[in-house]
Amino acid sequence: MKPSFWKLSQGTQYFSYAEIIESIATGLVYVHKDTGAKSISDLTQVENFIGAPIGDYFYLTHGNEGVYLIGQFSGATNLFSKYGDGWLERPFKFIFPSVTRNRYYGVHKWWSPSDNSTFTKVKDEDLNLFEQEILKPHFDVNLEKFGIKL
């Protein structure tokens, strides 16, 4: 079974730097229940967050202020989080830390840090680009580390 990769942004308008660090320390990530769909997508971003299989990977951003880690979902979504008011939380396992503190200036895709999206899947046809734009420069890893050979 080939895992999927997702971009997960805990945006600067909702999360302070300290809250991002706390999120990492507690192994929980958050998406709001009202996070809508991108363009003509069939599912909302929150539906994708809830439905992403345990074992899928994500990389965590703080808007485009930084890329922090690669995590792997380790459990189901909890509909009640410490933030209350519609925030959902999901546990994860820490896989790789970012090796940079750089903002992202690369190709604009829904899954890139520069896009105004919260939870977006990296499509299979974009995996090579994802490796070039995110995995290698921000984590110094390649898809083979995840058992994926293209």
C-alpha atoms as a PDB file:
ATOM      1  CA  MET A   1       0.000   0.000   0.000  1.00  0.00           C
ATOM      2  CA  LYS A   2       1.470   3.318  -1.095  1.00  0.00           C
ATOM      3  CA  PRO A   3       1.010   6.136   1.419  1.00  0.00           C
ATOM      4  CA  SER A   4      -0.258   9.546   0.427  1.00  0.00           C
ATOM      5  CA  PHE A   5       1.306  12.904   1.250  1.00  0.00           C
ATOM      6  CA  TRP A   6      -0.626  15.939   2.403  1.00  0.00           C
ATOM      7  CA  LYS A   7       0.130  19.568   3.116  1.00  0.00           C
ATOM      8  CA  LEU A   8      -1.224  20.642   6.512  1.00  0.00           C
ATOM      9  CA  SER A   9      -1.118  24.329   7.334  1.00  0.00           C
ATOM     10  CA  GLN A  10      -1.911  25.658  10.776  1.00  0.00           C
ATOM     11  CA  GLY A  11      -2.218  29.233   9.616  1.00  0.00           C
ATOM     12  CA  THR A  12      -0.707  32.312  11.211  1.00  0.00           C
ATOM     13  CA  GLN A  13      -4.137  33.914  11.582  1.00  0.00           C
ATOM     14  CA  TYR A  14      -5.207  31.115  13.982  1.00  0.00           C
ATOM     15  CA  PHE A  15      -1.993  29.727  15.513  1.00  0.00           C
ATOM     16  CA  SER A  16       0.859  31.570  17.163  1.00  0.00           C
ATOM     17  CA  TYR A  17       4.418  30.296  16.894  1.00  0.00           C
ATOM     18  CA  ALA A  18       4.134  28.992  20.487  1.00  0.00           C
ATOM     19  CA  GLU A  19       0.960  27.068  19.585  1.00  0.00           C
ATOM     20  CA  ILE A  20       2.719  25.456  16.616  1.00  0.00           C
ATOM     21  CA  ILE A  21       5.519  24.306  18.930  1.00  0.00           C
ATOM     22  CA  GLU A  22       2.947  23.014  21.425  1.00  0.00           C
ATOM     23  CA  SER A  23       1.144  21.170  18.621  1.00  0.00           C
ATOM     24  CA  ILE A  24       4.403  19.451  17.683  1.00  0.00           C
ATOM     25  CA  ALA A  25       5.285  18.665  21.317  1.00  0.00           C
ATOM     26  CA  THR A  26       1.893  17.082  22.025  1.00  0.00           C
ATOM     27  CA  GLY A  27       1.730  15.193  18.709  1.00  0.00           C
ATOM     28  CA  LEU A  28      -1.588  16.738  17.712  1.00  0.00           C
ATOM     29  CA  VAL A  29      -2.532  18.738  14.612  1.00  0.00           C
ATOM     30  CA  TYR A  30      -5.674  20.778  14.072  1.00  0.00           C
ATOM     31  CA  VAL A  31      -8.161  21.716  11.348  1.00  0.00           C
ATOM     32  CA  HIS A  32     -11.367  23.714  11.812  1.00  0.00           C
ATOM     33  CA  LYS A  33     -14.702  22.051  10.995  1.00  0.00           C
ATOM     34  CA  ASP A  34     -15.650  24.904   8.635  1.00  0.00           C
ATOM     35  CA  THR A  35     -12.580  24.545   6.398  1.00  0.00           C
ATOM     36  CA  GLY A  36     -14.128  24.409   2.945  1.00  0.00           C
ATOM     37  CA  ALA A  37     -13.239  22.786  -0.334  1.00  0.00           C
ATOM     38  CA  LYS A  38     -10.663  24.080  -2.779  1.00  0.00           C
ATOM     39  CA  SER A  39     -12.239  25.268  -6.032  1.00  0.00           C
ATOM     40  CA  ILE A  40     -14.208  22.398  -7.572  1.00  0.00           C
ATOM     41  CA  SER A  41     -13.107  19.656  -5.168  1.00  0.00           C
ATOM     42  CA  ASP A  42     -15.797  17.144  -4.235  1.00  0.00           C
ATOM     43  CA  LEU A  43     -14.734  17.021  -0.584  1.00  0.00           C
ATOM     44  CA  THR A  44     -13.969  19.800   1.852  1.00  0.00           C
ATOM     45  CA  GLN A  45     -10.479  20.018   3.325  1.00  0.00           C
ATOM     46  CA  VAL A  46     -11.873  19.030   6.723  1.00  0.00           C
ATOM     47  CA  GLU A  47     -13.534  15.933   5.189  1.00  0.00           C
ATOM     48  CA  ASN A  48     -10.142  15.018   3.730  1.00  0.00           C
ATOM     49  CA  PHE A  49      -8.505  15.567   7.141  1.00  0.00           C
ATOM     50  CA  ILE A  50     -11.040  13.273   8.814  1.00  0.00           C
ATOM     51  CA  GLY A  51     -10.823  10.673   6.036  1.00  0.00           C
ATOM     52  CA  ALA A  52      -7.055  10.559   5.491  1.00  0.00           C
ATOM     53  CA  PRO A  53      -5.967   7.015   6.394  1.00  0.00           C
ATOM     54  CA  ILE A  54      -3.857   6.293   9.445  1.00  0.00           C
ATOM     55  CA  GLY A  55      -0.341   5.901   8.050  1.00  0.00           C
ATOM     56  CA  ASP A  56      -0.587   8.745   5.549  1.00  0.00           C
ATOM     57  CA  TYR A  57       2.096  11.435   5.777  1.00  0.00           C
ATOM     58  CA  PHE A  58       1.777  15.200   5.970  1.00  0.00           C
ATOM     59  CA  TYR A  59       4.169  18.076   6.185  1.00  0.00           C
ATOM     60  CA  LEU A  60       3.297  20.828   8.639  1.00  0.00           C
ATOM     61  CA  THR A  61       3.513  24.496   7.733  1.00  0.00           C
ATOM     62  CA  HIS A  62       2.659  27.689   9.584  1.00  0.00           C
ATOM     63  CA  GLY A  63       1.198  29.478   6.608  1.00  0.00           C
ATOM     64  CA  ASN A  64       4.274  30.289   4.540  1.00  0.00           C
ATOM     65  CA  GLU A  65       6.245  31.307   7.626  1.00  0.00           C
ATOM     66  CA  GLY A  66       7.978  27.969   7.884  1.00  0.00           C
ATOM     67  CA  VAL A  67       7.972  24.256   7.155  1.00  0.00           C
ATOM     68  CA  TYR A  68       8.371  22.325  10.407  1.00  0.00           C
ATOM     69  CA  LEU A  69       8.089  18.563  10.097  1.00  0.00           C
ATOM     70  CA  ILE A  70       6.876  15.489   8.323  1.00  0.00           C
ATOM     71  CA  GLY A  71       4.386  13.588  10.424  1.00  0.00           C
ATOM     72  CA  GLN A  72       2.420  10.391   9.989  1.00  0.00           C
ATOM     73  CA  PHE A  73      -1.181  10.082  11.148  1.00  0.00           C
ATOM     74  CA  SER A  74      -1.337   7.620  14.022  1.00  0.00           C
ATOM     75  CA  GLY A  75      -5.001   7.796  14.933  1.00  0.00           C
ATOM     76  CA  ALA A  76      -8.466   8.983  14.018  1.00  0.00           C
ATOM     77  CA  THR A  77      -9.770  12.534  14.265  1.00  0.00           C
ATOM     78  CA  ASN A  78     -11.068  13.693  17.620  1.00  0.00           C
ATOM     79  CA  LEU A  79     -14.022  16.028  17.208  1.00  0.00           C
ATOM     80  CA  PHE A  80     -13.291  17.750  20.529  1.00  0.00           C
ATOM     81  CA  SER A  81      -9.998  19.584  20.889  1.00  0.00           C
ATOM     82  CA  LYS A  82      -8.526  21.882  23.499  1.00  0.00           C
ATOM     83  CA  TYR A  83      -9.273  24.812  21.176  1.00  0.00           C
ATOM     84  CA  GLY A  84     -13.028  24.112  21.277  1.00  0.00           C
ATOM     85  CA  ASP A  85     -15.311  26.084  18.951  1.00  0.00           C
ATOM     86  CA  GLY A  86     -15.171  23.624  16.058  1.00  0.00           C
ATOM     87  CA  TRP A  87     -11.489  22.669  16.020  1.00  0.00           C
ATOM     88  CA  LEU A  88     -10.737  19.010  15.293  1.00  0.00           C
ATOM     89  CA  GLU A  89      -7.506  17.338  16.371  1.00  0.00           C
ATOM     90  CA  ARG A  90      -5.625  14.356  15.074  1.00  0.00           C
ATOM     91  CA  PRO A  91      -2.651  12.501  16.592  1.00  0.00           C
ATOM     92  CA  PHE A  92       0.549  11.956  14.664  1.00  0.00           C
ATOM     93  CA  LYS A  93       3.980  10.409  14.869  1.00  0.00           C
ATOM     94  CA  PHE A  94       6.941  12.733  14.277  1.00  0.00           C
ATOM     95  CA  ILE A  95       8.937  11.401  11.283  1.00  0.00           C
ATOM     96  CA  PHE A  96      11.420  14.075  10.087  1.00  0.00           C
ATOM     97  CA  PRO A  97      12.248  17.605  11.232  1.00  0.00           C
ATOM     98  CA  SER A  98      12.770  20.359   8.693  1.00  0.00           C
ATOM     99  CA  VAL A  99      16.413  21.118   7.941  1.00  0.00           C
ATOM    100  CA  THR A 100      15.673  24.730   6.951  1.00  0.00           C
ATOM    101  CA  ARG A 101      13.896  27.762   8.322  1.00  0.00           C
ATOM    102  CA  ASN A 102      13.291  29.140   4.863  1.00  0.00           C
ATOM    103  CA  ARG A 103      10.030  30.408   3.445  1.00  0.00           C
ATOM    104  CA  TYR A 104       8.870  28.656   0.307  1.00  0.00           C
ATOM    105  CA  TYR A 105       9.350  30.457  -3.022  1.00  0.00           C
ATOM    106  CA  GLY A 106       8.904  27.543  -5.407  1.00  0.00           C
ATOM    107  CA  VAL A 107       6.199  26.331  -7.758  1.00  0.00           C
ATOM    108  CA  HIS A 108       2.669  27.281  -6.761  1.00  0.00           C
ATOM    109  CA  LYS A 109       0.424  24.262  -6.220  1.00  0.00           C
ATOM    110  CA  TRP A 110      -2.464  23.694  -3.824  1.00  0.00           C
ATOM    111  CA  TRP A 111      -0.087  21.565  -1.737  1.00  0.00           C
ATOM    112  CA  SER A 112       2.686  24.167  -1.619  1.00  0.00           C
ATOM    113  CA  PRO A 113       3.236  26.302   1.514  1.00  0.00           C
ATOM    114  CA  SER A 114       2.552  29.483  -0.478  1.00  0.00           C
ATOM    115  CA  ASP A 115      -1.016  28.418  -1.322  1.00  0.00           C
ATOM    116  CA  ASN A 116      -3.886  29.540   0.886  1.00  0.00           C
ATOM    117  CA  SER A 117      -4.972  25.992   1.718  1.00  0.00           C
ATOM    118  CA  THR A 118      -5.215  24.019   4.927  1.00  0.00           C
ATOM    119  CA  PHE A 119      -5.195  20.315   4.084  1.00  0.00           C
ATOM    120  CA  THR A 120      -4.423  19.341   0.505  1.00  0.00           C
ATOM    121  CA  LYS A 121      -3.263  16.050  -0.968  1.00  0.00           C
ATOM    122  CA  VAL A 122      -0.216  15.808  -3.201  1.00  0.00           C
ATOM    123  CA  LYS A 123      -1.472  14.124  -6.375  1.00  0.00           C
ATOM    124  CA  ASP A 124       0.440  11.115  -7.682  1.00  0.00           C
ATOM    125  CA  GLU A 125       1.378  13.012 -10.830  1.00  0.00           C
ATOM    126  CA  ASP A 126       3.008  15.697  -8.645  1.00  0.00           C
ATOM    127  CA  LEU A 127       5.159  13.358  -6.532  1.00  0.00           C
ATOM    128  CA  ASN A 128       8.380  14.086  -8.474  1.00  0.00           C
ATOM    129  CA  LEU A 129       7.761  17.821  -8.133  1.00  0.00           C
ATOM    130  CA  PHE A 130       6.891  17.389  -4.437  1.00  0.00           C
ATOM    131  CA  GLU A 131      10.193  15.585  -3.916  1.00  0.00           C
ATOM    132  CA  GLN A 132      12.102  18.408  -5.672  1.00  0.00           C
ATOM    133  CA  GLU A 133      10.239  21.304  -4.045  1.00  0.00           C
ATOM    134  CA  ILE A 134       9.538  20.034  -0.512  1.00  0.00           C
ATOM    135  CA  LEU A 135      11.227  16.769   0.465  1.00  0.00           C
ATOM    136  CA  LYS A 136      14.779  17.447  -0.721  1.00  0.00           C
ATOM    137  CA  PRO A 137      15.209  21.152   0.147  1.00  0.00           C
ATOM    138  CA  HIS A 138      13.237  21.181   3.419  1.00  0.00           C
ATOM    139  CA  PHE A 139      13.873  17.686   4.801  1.00  0.00           C
ATOM    140  CA  ASP A 140      16.898  16.347   2.897  1.00  0.00           C
ATOM    141  CA  VAL A 141      15.008  13.129   2.088  1.00  0.00           C
ATOM    142  CA  ASN A 142      13.610  11.549  -1.044  1.00  0.00           C
ATOM    143  CA  LEU A 143      10.581   9.410  -1.841  1.00  0.00           C
ATOM    144  CA  GLU A 144      12.628   6.213  -1.507  1.00  0.00           C
ATOM    145  CA  LYS A 145      12.777   6.878   2.268  1.00  0.00           C
ATOM    146  CA  PHE A 146       9.030   6.256   2.193  1.00  0.00           C
ATOM    147  CA  GLY A 147       9.295   3.133   0.023  1.00  0.00           C
ATOM    148  CA  ILE A 148       8.194   4.947  -3.135  1.00  0.00           C
ATOM    149  CA  LYS A 149      10.055   4.431  -6.392  1.00  0.00           C
ATOM    150  CA  LEU A 150       8.779   6.366  -9.379  1.00  0.00           C
END
